[in-house]
Amino acid sequence: MTPTGTKPGERPVAARPGPPRVATSSRYTPPVPKELKESPPWLPVVMLALLVAGGVVIMLRYLVFTGSNWPTLVGLVCILGGLYLATKWR
């Protein structure tokens, strides 16, 4: 019987050293639960509400509350809360 890839009477070619073989990992990685893949249905509603409310409060600061800067702070906090929720939306 001749080795694969040779003809009778030929000497087999020595195998060239190739890249080292990487063994498969024996660690088990469990699948991600469905709850973590999907965001709750209230999240986009609250996100949009915070973004819109923040913009409205900042506009009201310039139209109604001209003597105080607190509405600007409240508006920015609402917008930042909406942006935070946007990163959690899947």
N, C-alpha and C. Protein backbone atom coordinates (compact mmCIF):
# COMPACT_ATOMS: atom_id res chain seq x y z
N MET A 1 0.84 -1.15 0.00
CA MET A 1 0.00 0.00 0.00
C MET A 1 0.90 1.24 0.00
N THR A 2 0.58 2.20 -0.87
CA THR A 2 1.39 3.41 -0.95
C THR A 2 0.71 4.54 -0.17
N PRO A 3 1.52 5.45 0.38
CA PRO A 3 0.92 6.58 1.09
C PRO A 3 0.12 7.46 0.11
N THR A 4 -0.82 8.18 0.64
CA THR A 4 -1.67 9.03 -0.18
C THR A 4 -0.84 10.10 -0.88
N GLY A 5 -1.10 10.31 -2.15
CA GLY A 5 -0.42 11.34 -2.91
C GLY A 5 0.90 10.90 -3.51
N THR A 6 1.26 9.61 -3.46
CA THR A 6 2.52 9.13 -4.05
C THR A 6 2.20 8.05 -5.07
N LYS A 7 3.20 7.79 -5.90
CA LYS A 7 3.09 6.72 -6.88
C LYS A 7 3.97 5.57 -6.42
N PRO A 8 3.69 4.39 -6.89
CA PRO A 8 4.56 3.27 -6.49
C PRO A 8 5.99 3.53 -6.91
N GLY A 9 6.91 3.29 -6.04
CA GLY A 9 8.33 3.46 -6.31
C GLY A 9 8.86 4.81 -5.84
N GLU A 10 8.01 5.74 -5.53
CA GLU A 10 8.48 7.03 -5.03
C GLU A 10 8.62 6.97 -3.52
N ARG A 11 9.54 7.76 -3.05
CA ARG A 11 9.68 7.85 -1.60
C ARG A 11 8.70 8.89 -1.09
N PRO A 12 8.08 8.66 0.04
CA PRO A 12 7.15 9.66 0.56
C PRO A 12 7.89 10.93 0.98
N VAL A 13 7.27 12.04 0.71
CA VAL A 13 7.85 13.33 1.07
C VAL A 13 7.57 13.58 2.55
N ALA A 14 8.61 14.05 3.24
CA ALA A 14 8.42 14.35 4.67
C ALA A 14 7.44 15.53 4.81
N ALA A 15 6.63 15.43 5.79
CA ALA A 15 5.63 16.48 6.02
C ALA A 15 6.33 17.77 6.45
N ARG A 16 5.90 18.88 5.84
CA ARG A 16 6.48 20.16 6.22
C ARG A 16 5.86 20.61 7.54
N PRO A 17 6.68 21.23 8.36
CA PRO A 17 6.09 21.73 9.61
C PRO A 17 5.14 22.91 9.30
N GLY A 18 3.94 22.80 9.78
CA GLY A 18 2.94 23.85 9.55
C GLY A 18 2.67 24.60 10.83
N PRO A 19 1.66 25.39 10.81
CA PRO A 19 1.33 26.11 12.04
C PRO A 19 0.88 25.14 13.13
N PRO A 20 1.16 25.47 14.36
CA PRO A 20 0.78 24.54 15.44
C PRO A 20 -0.75 24.41 15.51
N ARG A 21 -1.17 23.25 15.82
CA ARG A 21 -2.61 23.01 15.93
C ARG A 21 -3.11 23.55 17.26
N VAL A 22 -4.26 24.20 17.20
CA VAL A 22 -4.87 24.77 18.40
C VAL A 22 -5.94 23.80 18.87
N ALA A 23 -5.82 23.40 20.11
CA ALA A 23 -6.80 22.47 20.66
C ALA A 23 -8.10 23.22 20.94
N THR A 24 -9.20 22.52 20.78
CA THR A 24 -10.48 23.15 21.09
C THR A 24 -10.61 23.32 22.59
N SER A 25 -11.32 24.36 22.97
CA SER A 25 -11.49 24.67 24.37
C SER A 25 -12.44 23.66 25.01
N SER A 26 -12.14 23.28 26.22
CA SER A 26 -13.01 22.35 26.92
C SER A 26 -14.01 23.09 27.80
N ARG A 27 -13.94 24.44 27.79
CA ARG A 27 -14.88 25.21 28.60
C ARG A 27 -16.22 25.30 27.89
N TYR A 28 -17.27 25.24 28.66
CA TYR A 28 -18.63 25.35 28.12
C TYR A 28 -19.12 26.78 28.31
N THR A 29 -19.58 27.38 27.25
CA THR A 29 -20.17 28.71 27.32
C THR A 29 -21.67 28.57 27.14
N PRO A 30 -22.44 28.81 28.18
CA PRO A 30 -23.89 28.64 28.07
C PRO A 30 -24.48 29.71 27.15
N PRO A 31 -25.60 29.42 26.51
CA PRO A 31 -26.23 30.43 25.66
C PRO A 31 -26.78 31.59 26.49
N VAL A 32 -26.87 32.74 25.85
CA VAL A 32 -27.38 33.93 26.53
C VAL A 32 -28.89 33.78 26.68
N PRO A 33 -29.43 34.01 27.89
CA PRO A 33 -30.88 33.89 28.08
C PRO A 33 -31.64 34.89 27.23
N LYS A 34 -32.86 34.55 26.86
CA LYS A 34 -33.68 35.39 26.00
C LYS A 34 -33.97 36.73 26.64
N GLU A 35 -34.09 36.78 27.97
CA GLU A 35 -34.38 38.02 28.66
C GLU A 35 -33.28 39.06 28.45
N LEU A 36 -32.04 38.58 28.30
CA LEU A 36 -30.93 39.50 28.11
C LEU A 36 -30.79 39.95 26.67
N LYS A 37 -31.37 39.21 25.72
CA LYS A 37 -31.29 39.57 24.32
C LYS A 37 -32.30 40.62 23.93
N GLU A 38 -33.43 40.67 24.61
CA GLU A 38 -34.50 41.61 24.25
C GLU A 38 -34.70 42.61 25.38
N SER A 39 -34.93 43.85 24.99
CA SER A 39 -35.20 44.86 26.00
C SER A 39 -36.68 44.83 26.35
N PRO A 40 -37.03 45.31 27.56
CA PRO A 40 -38.44 45.34 27.93
C PRO A 40 -39.20 46.31 27.03
N PRO A 41 -40.50 46.08 26.83
CA PRO A 41 -41.26 46.92 25.90
C PRO A 41 -41.42 48.37 26.35
N TRP A 42 -41.26 48.66 27.64
CA TRP A 42 -41.41 50.03 28.11
C TRP A 42 -40.17 50.88 27.85
N LEU A 43 -39.05 50.27 27.57
CA LEU A 43 -37.79 51.01 27.46
C LEU A 43 -37.79 52.05 26.33
N PRO A 44 -38.19 51.72 25.10
CA PRO A 44 -38.16 52.77 24.07
C PRO A 44 -39.16 53.90 24.34
N VAL A 45 -40.27 53.58 25.00
CA VAL A 45 -41.26 54.62 25.32
C VAL A 45 -40.68 55.61 26.32
N VAL A 46 -40.06 55.10 27.37
CA VAL A 46 -39.47 55.97 28.39
C VAL A 46 -38.29 56.74 27.81
N MET A 47 -37.51 56.09 26.94
CA MET A 47 -36.36 56.75 26.31
C MET A 47 -36.83 57.96 25.49
N LEU A 48 -37.81 57.76 24.64
CA LEU A 48 -38.31 58.87 23.82
C LEU A 48 -38.96 59.95 24.68
N ALA A 49 -39.68 59.54 25.73
CA ALA A 49 -40.31 60.51 26.61
C ALA A 49 -39.26 61.39 27.30
N LEU A 50 -38.17 60.78 27.76
CA LEU A 50 -37.12 61.56 28.41
C LEU A 50 -36.42 62.50 27.44
N LEU A 51 -36.17 62.03 26.23
CA LEU A 51 -35.51 62.89 25.24
C LEU A 51 -36.38 64.09 24.87
N VAL A 52 -37.67 63.83 24.64
CA VAL A 52 -38.58 64.91 24.28
C VAL A 52 -38.79 65.86 25.46
N ALA A 53 -38.99 65.29 26.65
CA ALA A 53 -39.21 66.13 27.84
C ALA A 53 -37.99 67.00 28.12
N GLY A 54 -36.80 66.46 27.95
CA GLY A 54 -35.59 67.25 28.16
C GLY A 54 -35.50 68.42 27.20
N GLY A 55 -35.83 68.17 25.93
CA GLY A 55 -35.80 69.26 24.95
C GLY A 55 -36.85 70.31 25.26
N VAL A 56 -38.04 69.89 25.66
CA VAL A 56 -39.11 70.83 25.98
C VAL A 56 -38.74 71.67 27.20
N VAL A 57 -38.18 71.03 28.22
CA VAL A 57 -37.82 71.77 29.44
C VAL A 57 -36.73 72.80 29.13
N ILE A 58 -35.78 72.45 28.28
CA ILE A 58 -34.74 73.42 27.93
C ILE A 58 -35.33 74.58 27.13
N MET A 59 -36.27 74.29 26.23
CA MET A 59 -36.93 75.38 25.50
C MET A 59 -37.76 76.26 26.42
N LEU A 60 -38.43 75.64 27.39
CA LEU A 60 -39.24 76.42 28.34
C LEU A 60 -38.37 77.33 29.21
N ARG A 61 -37.14 76.93 29.45
CA ARG A 61 -36.23 77.75 30.24
C ARG A 61 -36.03 79.11 29.58
N TYR A 62 -35.94 79.11 28.24
CA TYR A 62 -35.71 80.36 27.53
C TYR A 62 -37.00 81.14 27.29
N LEU A 63 -38.15 80.45 27.31
CA LEU A 63 -39.42 81.14 27.05
C LEU A 63 -40.15 81.58 28.32
N VAL A 64 -40.09 80.78 29.38
CA VAL A 64 -40.88 81.03 30.58
C VAL A 64 -40.01 81.32 31.80
N PHE A 65 -39.07 80.43 32.09
CA PHE A 65 -38.25 80.53 33.31
C PHE A 65 -36.95 81.27 33.01
N THR A 66 -37.03 82.54 32.71
CA THR A 66 -35.83 83.27 32.30
C THR A 66 -34.91 83.64 33.46
N GLY A 67 -35.41 83.55 34.69
CA GLY A 67 -34.59 83.97 35.82
C GLY A 67 -33.81 82.86 36.48
N SER A 68 -33.97 81.61 36.05
CA SER A 68 -33.33 80.49 36.75
C SER A 68 -32.66 79.56 35.75
N ASN A 69 -31.59 78.92 36.20
CA ASN A 69 -30.90 77.94 35.36
C ASN A 69 -31.27 76.50 35.71
N TRP A 70 -32.12 76.30 36.70
CA TRP A 70 -32.51 74.94 37.09
C TRP A 70 -33.21 74.17 35.97
N PRO A 71 -34.08 74.80 35.19
CA PRO A 71 -34.69 74.03 34.10
C PRO A 71 -33.68 73.49 33.09
N THR A 72 -32.59 74.22 32.88
CA THR A 72 -31.55 73.73 31.98
C THR A 72 -30.92 72.46 32.54
N LEU A 73 -30.64 72.46 33.82
CA LEU A 73 -30.07 71.29 34.46
C LEU A 73 -31.03 70.10 34.40
N VAL A 74 -32.31 70.36 34.69
CA VAL A 74 -33.30 69.28 34.64
C VAL A 74 -33.43 68.74 33.21
N GLY A 75 -33.42 69.63 32.23
CA GLY A 75 -33.51 69.20 30.84
C GLY A 75 -32.32 68.35 30.41
N LEU A 76 -31.13 68.77 30.82
CA LEU A 76 -29.93 67.99 30.48
C LEU A 76 -29.94 66.62 31.15
N VAL A 77 -30.41 66.56 32.39
CA VAL A 77 -30.50 65.26 33.08
C VAL A 77 -31.49 64.35 32.37
N CYS A 78 -32.61 64.91 31.92
CA CYS A 78 -33.59 64.10 31.18
C CYS A 78 -32.99 63.59 29.87
N ILE A 79 -32.29 64.45 29.15
CA ILE A 79 -31.69 64.02 27.88
C ILE A 79 -30.63 62.96 28.11
N LEU A 80 -29.81 63.13 29.14
CA LEU A 80 -28.79 62.12 29.45
C LEU A 80 -29.42 60.80 29.87
N GLY A 81 -30.54 60.86 30.59
CA GLY A 81 -31.25 59.64 30.95
C GLY A 81 -31.79 58.93 29.71
N GLY A 82 -32.31 59.70 28.76
CA GLY A 82 -32.77 59.11 27.51
C GLY A 82 -31.64 58.49 26.71
N LEU A 83 -30.49 59.14 26.68
CA LEU A 83 -29.33 58.57 25.98
C LEU A 83 -28.83 57.30 26.66
N TYR A 84 -28.87 57.28 27.98
CA TYR A 84 -28.47 56.08 28.71
C TYR A 84 -29.38 54.91 28.36
N LEU A 85 -30.69 55.18 28.33
CA LEU A 85 -31.64 54.11 27.98
C LEU A 85 -31.46 53.68 26.53
N ALA A 86 -31.04 54.60 25.66
CA ALA A 86 -30.82 54.23 24.27
C ALA A 86 -29.69 53.21 24.12
N THR A 87 -28.72 53.25 25.04
CA THR A 87 -27.64 52.26 24.97
C THR A 87 -28.09 50.89 25.47
N LYS A 88 -29.18 50.83 26.21
CA LYS A 88 -29.68 49.55 26.74
C LYS A 88 -30.74 48.92 25.84
N TRP A 89 -31.14 49.63 24.79
CA TRP A 89 -32.20 49.13 23.89
C TRP A 89 -31.63 48.12 22.93
N ARG A 90 -32.24 46.93 22.88
CA ARG A 90 -31.80 45.87 21.98
C ARG A 90 -32.87 45.61 20.96
